[in-house]
Amino acid sequence: MKIGILSRNPKLYSTSRLLEEAIASGHHCRVIDTLKCYMDISSAKPAVWYRGQQLDHLDAIIPRIGASITNYGTAVIRQFEMMDTYALVGSIPLGRSRSKLRALQLLSKRGLGMPATGFAHDVSNTRQLIQLVGGAPVVVKLLEGTQGRGVVLAETAKAAESVIEAFKELGADFLVQEFIKEAGGSDVRCFVIGNKVVAAMERTSAAGEFRSNLHRGGSAKLTKLSALERRTAIKAAHTMGLNVAGVDILRSARGPLVMEVNSSPGLKGIEEATGVNVAGKIIQFIESHVHTGKSQRRVKG
């Protein structure tokens, strides 16, 4: 089987692990820089060109699209889809998951537990928005933030008002969310492939930090999920239409709450914390689906 990994950096842990496992499984695999692809959009014979040459037909692609190139990345995935190449992560699910607002609205529609959330661009009554999610402390998030960037914990109503006013001055869209105190600065990353959670780790924030992202100095360890947590993670991934997803949940007094569904979850933290060969399981999933004609179209819209 011919597999292409859409990634800007072949040295990244996730990219190199996927390449390693694909080759070890006997497949022809190469890393393709997404931004160096250009497209012949023809109804007769659509094609993708790369570094001056037309790409041979690929059986499958594994998109590892960074948030900063989401728009171009989804266009490249769509082009491969037009050419009947199997996309592990489809263009529509990727777009859904990258829009924090759209993702939360879809999760809400499916009845999944989430922190109380308010969304605004410009609000005249800042205090009313804070009360909408239960009052301070609250978490204020830029809609376009990633890896914990643009996320602020406001411990008092006055601090929350100041942060919101600052975001308003920037002309930025933002979310205001309930702070789940009982989570204790920890969350759980559930790695979903198909209909299974294949690995899960508990991430804990560093001292003096409330964000548990490993990029922010957080630590990770193996954790055991409850049946409800497993069902929640799988349902969240399927709501986005994703066959592979990193679902982040908080353990709250009212059950698991979904924070985010990541369409390009990193492999380093989860493999090191759990000892699970996640990259190998991804290749196995592709092997079992690439010839079936199945796509990512689980949820329309």
Protein backbone atom coordinates (compact mmCIF):
# COMPACT_ATOMS: atom_id res chain seq x y z
CA MET A 1 0.00 0.00 0.00
CA LYS A 2 1.21 3.54 -0.77
CA ILE A 3 0.74 5.95 2.13
CA GLY A 4 1.49 9.67 2.33
CA ILE A 5 1.92 11.52 5.63
CA LEU A 6 0.99 15.19 5.25
CA SER A 7 3.40 16.89 7.62
CA ARG A 8 5.61 19.96 7.43
CA ASN A 9 8.39 18.40 9.50
CA PRO A 10 9.54 14.78 9.05
CA LYS A 11 11.55 15.01 12.27
CA LEU A 12 8.52 15.49 14.49
CA TYR A 13 7.98 12.54 16.83
CA SER A 14 4.46 11.78 15.58
CA THR A 15 5.46 11.97 11.92
CA SER A 16 8.58 9.83 12.32
CA ARG A 17 6.73 7.20 14.37
CA LEU A 18 3.97 6.86 11.78
CA LEU A 19 6.56 6.58 9.01
CA GLU A 20 8.48 3.97 11.01
CA GLU A 21 5.41 1.83 11.68
CA ALA A 22 4.13 2.07 8.10
CA ILE A 23 7.48 0.91 6.67
CA ALA A 24 7.77 -1.83 9.32
CA SER A 25 4.36 -3.09 8.18
CA GLY A 26 5.61 -3.41 4.61
CA HIS A 27 4.05 -0.28 3.10
CA HIS A 28 5.59 2.32 0.81
CA CYS A 29 5.36 5.52 2.82
CA ARG A 30 6.66 9.05 2.42
CA VAL A 31 6.32 12.38 4.21
CA ILE A 32 4.79 15.15 2.09
CA ASP A 33 5.10 18.81 3.07
CA THR A 34 1.51 20.06 2.90
CA LEU A 35 2.41 23.61 1.88
CA LYS A 36 4.58 22.39 -0.99
CA CYS A 37 1.61 20.63 -2.60
CA TYR A 38 -0.24 22.38 -5.40
CA MET A 39 -3.35 21.21 -7.11
CA ASP A 40 -4.73 20.69 -10.60
CA ILE A 41 -8.44 21.11 -10.02
CA SER A 42 -9.83 19.44 -13.10
CA SER A 43 -13.09 17.54 -13.43
CA ALA A 44 -11.41 15.20 -15.93
CA LYS A 45 -8.33 14.27 -13.95
CA PRO A 46 -7.70 16.05 -10.63
CA ALA A 47 -4.10 15.80 -9.46
CA VAL A 48 -1.71 16.88 -6.73
CA TRP A 49 1.72 18.14 -7.72
CA TYR A 50 4.65 18.15 -5.32
CA ARG A 51 8.07 19.72 -5.78
CA GLY A 52 7.60 19.93 -9.55
CA GLN A 53 6.26 16.43 -10.12
CA GLN A 54 2.76 14.98 -10.22
CA LEU A 55 2.23 12.63 -7.32
CA ASP A 56 1.51 9.01 -8.14
CA HIS A 57 -1.77 7.70 -6.78
CA LEU A 58 -1.69 7.12 -3.03
CA ASP A 59 -3.89 4.54 -1.36
CA ALA A 60 -4.12 6.54 1.85
CA ILE A 61 -3.02 9.79 3.45
CA ILE A 62 -2.43 10.54 7.11
CA PRO A 63 -3.01 14.29 7.62
CA ARG A 64 -0.90 15.91 10.33
CA ILE A 65 -2.13 19.44 9.68
CA GLY A 66 -0.96 22.20 12.01
CA ALA A 67 -3.52 24.72 13.20
CA SER A 68 -1.76 27.59 11.42
CA ILE A 69 -2.31 25.98 7.98
CA THR A 70 -5.80 24.56 8.53
CA ASN A 71 -7.38 26.24 5.51
CA TYR A 72 -4.73 25.18 3.00
CA GLY A 73 -4.41 21.78 4.65
CA THR A 74 -8.11 21.02 4.30
CA ALA A 75 -7.95 22.05 0.63
CA VAL A 76 -5.12 19.56 0.03
CA ILE A 77 -7.07 16.80 1.81
CA ARG A 78 -10.14 17.59 -0.32
CA GLN A 79 -8.05 17.24 -3.45
CA PHE A 80 -6.87 13.78 -2.38
CA GLU A 81 -10.48 12.88 -1.56
CA MET A 82 -11.47 13.91 -5.10
CA MET A 83 -8.83 11.46 -6.34
CA ASP A 84 -10.39 8.63 -4.27
CA THR A 85 -7.47 8.47 -1.86
CA TYR A 86 -8.48 7.29 1.62
CA ALA A 87 -8.03 10.12 4.15
CA LEU A 88 -7.57 8.97 7.73
CA VAL A 89 -8.84 12.41 8.77
CA GLY A 90 -11.29 13.86 6.27
CA SER A 91 -11.45 17.51 5.28
CA ILE A 92 -14.90 18.09 6.82
CA PRO A 93 -14.11 16.50 10.23
CA LEU A 94 -10.82 18.41 10.37
CA GLY A 95 -12.63 21.70 9.76
CA ARG A 96 -15.24 20.89 12.42
CA SER A 97 -12.71 20.04 15.09
CA ARG A 98 -10.57 23.12 14.40
CA SER A 99 -13.48 25.47 15.03
CA LYS A 100 -13.82 25.52 18.83
CA LEU A 101 -17.26 27.08 18.63
CA ARG A 102 -18.62 24.69 16.02
CA ALA A 103 -17.17 21.70 17.86
CA LEU A 104 -18.78 22.74 21.15
CA GLN A 105 -22.12 23.35 19.44
CA LEU A 106 -22.04 19.87 17.87
CA LEU A 107 -21.04 18.23 21.16
CA SER A 108 -23.83 20.10 22.93
CA LYS A 109 -26.36 18.97 20.34
CA ARG A 110 -25.35 15.35 20.97
CA GLY A 111 -25.92 15.77 24.71
CA LEU A 112 -22.31 15.37 25.77
CA GLY A 113 -21.25 16.87 29.08
CA MET A 114 -19.25 20.10 28.82
CA PRO A 115 -18.30 22.99 31.09
CA ALA A 116 -20.85 25.81 30.92
CA THR A 117 -19.69 28.01 28.03
CA GLY A 118 -20.44 31.48 26.73
CA PHE A 119 -19.28 32.84 23.37
CA ALA A 120 -18.92 36.44 22.34
CA HIS A 121 -17.08 38.88 20.12
CA ASP A 122 -18.25 42.11 21.66
CA VAL A 123 -20.46 42.26 24.70
CA SER A 124 -21.68 45.43 26.39
CA ASN A 125 -22.44 43.73 29.71
CA THR A 126 -19.27 41.79 30.56
CA ARG A 127 -20.51 40.89 34.02
CA GLN A 128 -23.62 39.28 32.54
CA LEU A 129 -21.44 37.03 30.33
CA ILE A 130 -19.46 35.92 33.38
CA GLN A 131 -22.64 35.12 35.29
CA LEU A 132 -23.88 33.15 32.29
CA VAL A 133 -21.30 30.44 33.09
CA GLY A 134 -21.78 30.53 36.85
CA GLY A 135 -19.54 33.40 37.90
CA ALA A 136 -15.85 33.61 38.78
CA PRO A 137 -13.48 31.88 38.65
CA VAL A 138 -13.79 31.43 34.89
CA VAL A 139 -11.53 30.38 32.02
CA VAL A 140 -11.31 32.78 29.07
CA LYS A 141 -10.09 31.30 25.78
CA LEU A 142 -9.23 32.83 22.46
CA LEU A 143 -11.11 30.95 19.76
CA GLU A 144 -7.95 30.44 17.71
CA GLY A 145 -5.60 29.42 20.54
CA THR A 146 -3.74 26.07 20.54
CA GLN A 147 -1.59 24.08 23.01
CA GLY A 148 -2.79 26.22 25.90
CA ARG A 149 -1.97 29.55 24.26
CA GLY A 150 -4.63 32.23 24.62
CA VAL A 151 -6.15 30.54 27.70
CA VAL A 152 -6.44 32.59 30.89
CA LEU A 153 -7.80 31.66 34.31
CA ALA A 154 -9.54 34.64 35.89
CA GLU A 155 -10.01 33.96 39.59
CA THR A 156 -12.23 36.96 40.33
CA ALA A 157 -15.01 38.73 38.47
CA LYS A 158 -12.85 41.85 38.24
CA ALA A 159 -9.97 39.90 36.71
CA ALA A 160 -12.36 38.22 34.26
CA GLU A 161 -13.76 41.58 33.18
CA SER A 162 -10.22 42.87 32.57
CA VAL A 163 -9.28 39.87 30.42
CA ILE A 164 -12.50 40.08 28.43
CA GLU A 165 -12.00 43.81 27.87
CA ALA A 166 -8.45 43.10 26.61
CA PHE A 167 -9.71 40.48 24.14
CA LYS A 168 -12.41 42.90 22.99
CA GLU A 169 -9.75 45.54 22.30
CA LEU A 170 -7.93 42.99 20.12
CA GLY A 171 -11.13 42.38 18.17
CA ALA A 172 -10.82 38.68 18.96
CA ASP A 173 -13.54 36.07 19.32
CA PHE A 174 -13.41 34.29 22.67
CA LEU A 175 -15.07 31.74 24.91
CA VAL A 176 -15.80 32.09 28.60
CA GLN A 177 -16.02 28.75 30.40
CA GLU A 178 -16.87 27.47 33.84
CA PHE A 179 -13.78 26.57 35.88
CA ILE A 180 -13.98 22.96 37.13
CA LYS A 181 -12.22 23.25 40.48
CA GLU A 182 -12.53 19.57 41.44
CA ALA A 183 -10.45 18.57 38.40
CA GLY A 184 -7.48 19.85 40.38
CA GLY A 185 -5.49 21.10 37.39
CA SER A 186 -5.68 17.71 35.67
CA ASP A 187 -7.42 16.40 32.60
CA VAL A 188 -7.51 13.10 30.73
CA ARG A 189 -6.41 12.64 27.13
CA CYS A 190 -8.27 9.72 25.55
CA PHE A 191 -6.80 8.50 22.27
CA VAL A 192 -9.62 7.18 20.12
CA ILE A 193 -9.10 5.03 17.02
CA GLY A 194 -12.29 3.85 15.35
CA ASN A 195 -14.66 2.55 18.00
CA LYS A 196 -12.06 2.12 20.75
CA VAL A 197 -10.07 4.16 23.22
CA VAL A 198 -6.67 2.57 22.64
CA ALA A 199 -4.77 4.58 25.28
CA ALA A 200 -5.45 7.16 27.97
CA MET A 201 -3.27 9.36 30.14
CA GLU A 202 -3.93 11.79 32.95
CA ARG A 203 -2.16 15.11 32.48
CA THR A 204 -1.41 17.29 35.48
CA SER A 205 -0.37 20.93 35.35
CA ALA A 206 3.00 22.13 36.60
CA ALA A 207 3.24 24.00 39.90
CA GLY A 208 1.70 27.46 39.60
CA GLU A 209 0.03 26.58 36.28
CA PHE A 210 -3.58 25.55 35.68
CA ARG A 211 -3.14 24.38 32.07
CA SER A 212 -2.25 20.69 31.89
CA ASN A 213 -0.78 20.76 28.35
CA LEU A 214 2.53 18.89 28.15
CA HIS A 215 3.83 21.82 26.07
CA ARG A 216 3.27 23.93 29.19
CA GLY A 217 5.38 21.74 31.44
CA GLY A 218 2.61 19.41 32.57
CA SER A 219 3.26 15.79 33.43
CA ALA A 220 1.46 12.67 32.25
CA LYS A 221 0.80 9.20 33.59
CA LEU A 222 -1.21 6.13 32.68
CA THR A 223 -4.81 6.24 33.89
CA LYS A 224 -7.73 3.84 33.95
CA LEU A 225 -10.96 5.06 32.41
CA SER A 226 -14.45 4.36 33.64
CA ALA A 227 -16.96 2.87 31.20
CA LEU A 228 -18.72 6.25 31.03
CA GLU A 229 -15.47 8.06 30.23
CA ARG A 230 -14.76 5.60 27.40
CA ARG A 231 -18.25 6.03 25.96
CA THR A 232 -17.97 9.80 26.23
CA ALA A 233 -14.62 9.92 24.41
CA ILE A 234 -15.81 7.66 21.59
CA LYS A 235 -19.08 9.57 21.18
CA ALA A 236 -17.20 12.88 21.08
CA ALA A 237 -14.82 11.63 18.37
CA HIS A 238 -17.71 10.24 16.32
CA THR A 239 -19.66 13.48 16.72
CA MET A 240 -16.80 15.25 14.93
CA GLY A 241 -16.71 12.45 12.34
CA LEU A 242 -13.15 11.52 13.32
CA ASN A 243 -11.70 8.03 13.15
CA VAL A 244 -8.60 9.17 15.04
CA ALA A 245 -8.89 11.77 17.78
CA GLY A 246 -7.46 12.95 21.05
CA VAL A 247 -10.42 13.70 23.30
CA ASP A 248 -9.67 15.79 26.39
CA ILE A 249 -12.06 15.37 29.30
CA LEU A 250 -12.28 16.75 32.82
CA ARG A 251 -13.32 14.59 35.73
CA SER A 252 -16.01 16.61 37.46
CA ALA A 253 -18.53 16.02 40.22
CA ARG A 254 -21.23 15.64 37.54
CA GLY A 255 -19.28 13.20 35.38
CA PRO A 256 -16.84 13.50 32.46
CA LEU A 257 -16.88 16.85 30.68
CA VAL A 258 -15.46 17.20 27.17
CA MET A 259 -13.00 20.06 26.79
CA GLU A 260 -11.69 19.53 23.26
CA VAL A 261 -11.53 17.03 20.40
CA ASN A 262 -8.16 17.14 18.65
CA SER A 263 -7.94 15.87 15.07
CA SER A 264 -4.11 15.73 15.01
CA PRO A 265 -3.25 14.46 18.50
CA GLY A 266 0.43 14.12 19.29
CA LEU A 267 1.81 10.62 19.84
CA LYS A 268 4.85 11.30 22.01
CA GLY A 269 3.13 11.96 25.33
CA ILE A 270 0.57 9.18 25.00
CA GLU A 271 3.07 6.54 23.88
CA GLU A 272 5.57 7.42 26.59
CA ALA A 273 2.97 7.59 29.38
CA THR A 274 1.12 4.40 28.45
CA GLY A 275 3.63 2.23 26.60
CA VAL A 276 1.02 1.63 23.89
CA ASN A 277 2.18 1.51 20.26
CA VAL A 278 -0.40 4.04 19.11
CA ALA A 279 1.32 4.69 15.78
CA GLY A 280 1.16 0.98 14.98
CA LYS A 281 -2.53 0.85 15.82
CA ILE A 282 -3.17 3.76 13.44
CA ILE A 283 -1.46 1.89 10.60
CA GLN A 284 -3.48 -1.24 11.44
CA PHE A 285 -6.69 0.81 11.28
CA ILE A 286 -5.78 2.12 7.82
CA GLU A 287 -5.00 -1.43 6.67
CA SER A 288 -8.46 -2.58 7.71
CA HIS A 289 -10.31 0.33 6.10
CA VAL A 290 -8.45 1.58 3.06
CA HIS A 291 -10.03 -0.90 0.65
CA THR A 292 -13.56 -0.63 2.06
CA GLY A 293 -14.35 2.77 0.59
CA LYS A 294 -15.43 3.97 4.02
CA SER A 295 -14.96 7.68 4.63
CA GLN A 296 -15.11 10.05 7.54
CA ARG A 297 -18.69 11.19 6.81
CA ARG A 298 -20.24 10.15 10.12
CA VAL A 299 -21.86 13.47 10.84
CA LYS A 300 -23.16 15.84 8.18
CA GLY A 301 -22.85 19.57 8.35
